[in-house]
Amino acid sequence: MSAPATTPAARPLASALVAGVGLLLAMDVTGAVISLSAGLSPTLLDALGPQARLSAPIPMMIAQVLLVTGATRRHRGVAVPASALLAVAGVLAFMSGFYDGGYAADLTAGQRVFQITLVTAHLGVGVLAGFRLVRLLRR
């Protein structure tokens, strides 16, 4: 007779959230290197700053790490607000390009594809966080 599984059904979703934020961080660093090498930003810190075109700014990256840490906790008092904020962060990453000129920037076709992929990944993590939030609110 095998022991009952102790892993809740939400663990795969939590793992997907962690993987998604990890992917975003890797894409942000890659985008900053692309910006630096293409001359879009004079320094790496500028490429990871508020005027970044191919990466999220460092404060957003830190917030995503903190929020995914909270969103994947078993304690609802931490996981619910963190999941909600992570979902909002995904939408804000998309919306910010309209307000900071990121979508109007003069980019090559490859850079534009990278930008669209990055923004889509941000939205994807936001959707995963939304699913996590709904699951948490149902229990």
Protein backbone atom coordinates (compact mmCIF):
# COMPACT_ATOMS: atom_id res chain seq x y z
CA MET A 1 0.00 0.00 0.00
CA SER A 2 1.46 3.34 -1.01
CA ALA A 3 1.36 6.47 1.10
CA PRO A 4 -1.07 9.19 0.03
CA ALA A 5 0.38 11.97 -2.02
CA THR A 6 1.18 15.03 0.06
CA THR A 7 1.75 17.35 -2.85
CA PRO A 8 -1.30 19.55 -3.40
CA ALA A 9 -2.73 19.95 -6.87
CA ALA A 10 -1.51 23.56 -6.89
CA ARG A 11 2.19 22.56 -6.90
CA PRO A 12 2.46 22.22 -10.71
CA LEU A 13 1.02 25.73 -11.08
CA ALA A 14 3.43 27.08 -8.47
CA SER A 15 6.31 25.39 -10.28
CA ALA A 16 5.16 26.90 -13.58
CA LEU A 17 5.10 30.36 -11.96
CA VAL A 18 8.65 29.96 -10.66
CA ALA A 19 9.82 28.72 -14.07
CA GLY A 20 7.99 31.60 -15.78
CA VAL A 21 9.65 34.25 -13.62
CA GLY A 22 13.00 32.51 -14.12
CA LEU A 23 12.45 32.69 -17.87
CA LEU A 24 11.55 36.39 -17.58
CA LEU A 25 14.74 37.11 -15.67
CA ALA A 26 16.82 35.30 -18.28
CA MET A 27 15.04 37.17 -21.07
CA ASP A 28 15.53 40.50 -19.27
CA VAL A 29 19.28 39.97 -18.97
CA THR A 30 19.44 38.79 -22.59
CA GLY A 31 17.45 41.82 -23.72
CA ALA A 32 19.76 44.14 -21.80
CA VAL A 33 22.81 42.57 -23.47
CA ILE A 34 21.13 42.94 -26.87
CA SER A 35 20.37 46.61 -26.09
CA LEU A 36 23.93 47.22 -25.01
CA SER A 37 25.50 45.51 -28.02
CA ALA A 38 23.14 47.24 -30.47
CA GLY A 39 23.83 50.68 -28.99
CA LEU A 40 20.26 51.15 -27.75
CA SER A 41 21.62 51.78 -24.24
CA PRO A 42 25.02 53.22 -23.29
CA THR A 43 25.48 51.00 -20.21
CA LEU A 44 24.11 47.75 -18.85
CA LEU A 45 22.40 49.62 -16.02
CA ASP A 46 20.69 51.87 -18.58
CA ALA A 47 19.58 48.75 -20.46
CA LEU A 48 17.99 47.53 -17.19
CA GLY A 49 16.63 50.94 -16.22
CA PRO A 50 13.37 52.81 -16.72
CA GLN A 51 14.04 53.45 -20.40
CA ALA A 52 14.78 49.80 -21.17
CA ARG A 53 13.29 48.63 -24.47
CA LEU A 54 14.21 44.95 -24.40
CA SER A 55 14.08 44.20 -20.67
CA ALA A 56 12.20 45.02 -17.51
CA PRO A 57 13.77 47.54 -15.15
CA ILE A 58 15.68 46.12 -12.18
CA PRO A 59 13.00 47.13 -9.61
CA MET A 60 10.38 45.20 -11.60
CA MET A 61 12.64 42.16 -11.75
CA ILE A 62 13.16 42.29 -7.97
CA ALA A 63 9.42 42.70 -7.42
CA GLN A 64 8.68 39.67 -9.61
CA VAL A 65 11.10 37.50 -7.63
CA LEU A 66 9.59 38.62 -4.32
CA LEU A 67 6.03 38.20 -5.60
CA VAL A 68 6.59 34.73 -7.05
CA THR A 69 8.16 33.73 -3.74
CA GLY A 70 5.03 34.87 -1.96
CA ALA A 71 2.61 33.56 -4.57
CA THR A 72 3.98 30.04 -4.30
CA ARG A 73 3.65 29.87 -0.50
CA ARG A 74 1.07 27.58 1.04
CA HIS A 75 -0.12 30.26 3.45
CA ARG A 76 -3.08 31.98 1.77
CA GLY A 77 -2.50 35.24 3.62
CA VAL A 78 0.74 35.65 1.70
CA ALA A 79 -0.08 33.77 -1.51
CA VAL A 80 -3.34 35.57 -2.35
CA PRO A 81 -2.03 39.16 -2.39
CA ALA A 82 1.27 38.11 -3.98
CA SER A 83 -0.56 36.24 -6.76
CA ALA A 84 -2.86 39.21 -7.35
CA LEU A 85 0.07 41.62 -7.55
CA LEU A 86 2.01 39.30 -9.85
CA ALA A 87 -1.01 39.13 -12.16
CA VAL A 88 -1.22 42.93 -12.17
CA ALA A 89 2.53 43.16 -12.86
CA GLY A 90 2.07 41.11 -16.02
CA VAL A 91 -0.54 43.53 -17.30
CA LEU A 92 1.54 46.56 -16.28
CA ALA A 93 4.54 45.21 -18.18
CA PHE A 94 2.37 45.13 -21.29
CA MET A 95 0.75 48.54 -20.70
CA SER A 96 3.98 50.35 -19.86
CA GLY A 97 5.21 50.12 -23.46
CA PHE A 98 2.34 52.36 -24.56
CA TYR A 99 3.20 55.05 -22.01
CA ASP A 100 7.00 55.03 -21.94
CA GLY A 101 7.46 54.94 -25.71
CA GLY A 102 8.83 51.41 -25.75
CA TYR A 103 6.53 50.27 -28.53
CA ALA A 104 7.37 53.33 -30.63
CA ALA A 105 11.13 52.83 -30.32
CA ASP A 106 13.12 52.40 -33.51
CA LEU A 107 14.03 48.70 -33.36
CA THR A 108 15.20 46.20 -35.93
CA ALA A 109 12.83 43.39 -36.85
CA GLY A 110 14.72 40.94 -34.63
CA GLN A 111 14.67 43.36 -31.70
CA ARG A 112 10.93 43.93 -32.20
CA VAL A 113 10.30 40.17 -32.20
CA PHE A 114 12.29 39.87 -28.98
CA GLN A 115 10.32 42.74 -27.44
CA ILE A 116 6.99 41.12 -28.40
CA THR A 117 8.17 37.76 -27.05
CA LEU A 118 9.24 39.36 -23.76
CA VAL A 119 5.95 41.21 -23.34
CA THR A 120 4.02 38.05 -24.19
CA ALA A 121 6.02 36.16 -21.56
CA HIS A 122 5.15 38.84 -19.00
CA LEU A 123 1.49 38.49 -19.87
CA GLY A 124 1.81 34.70 -19.65
CA VAL A 125 3.24 34.89 -16.13
CA GLY A 126 0.41 37.29 -15.26
CA VAL A 127 -2.14 34.76 -16.51
CA LEU A 128 -0.49 31.97 -14.51
CA ALA A 129 -0.59 34.17 -11.43
CA GLY A 130 -4.27 34.83 -12.13
CA PHE A 131 -4.94 31.09 -12.28
CA ARG A 132 -3.04 30.65 -9.01
CA LEU A 133 -5.14 33.42 -7.44
CA VAL A 134 -8.41 31.82 -8.54
CA ARG A 135 -7.28 28.44 -7.23
CA LEU A 136 -6.32 29.99 -3.88
CA LEU A 137 -9.63 31.80 -3.58
CA ARG A 138 -11.58 28.60 -4.25
CA ARG A 139 -10.08 26.65 -1.38
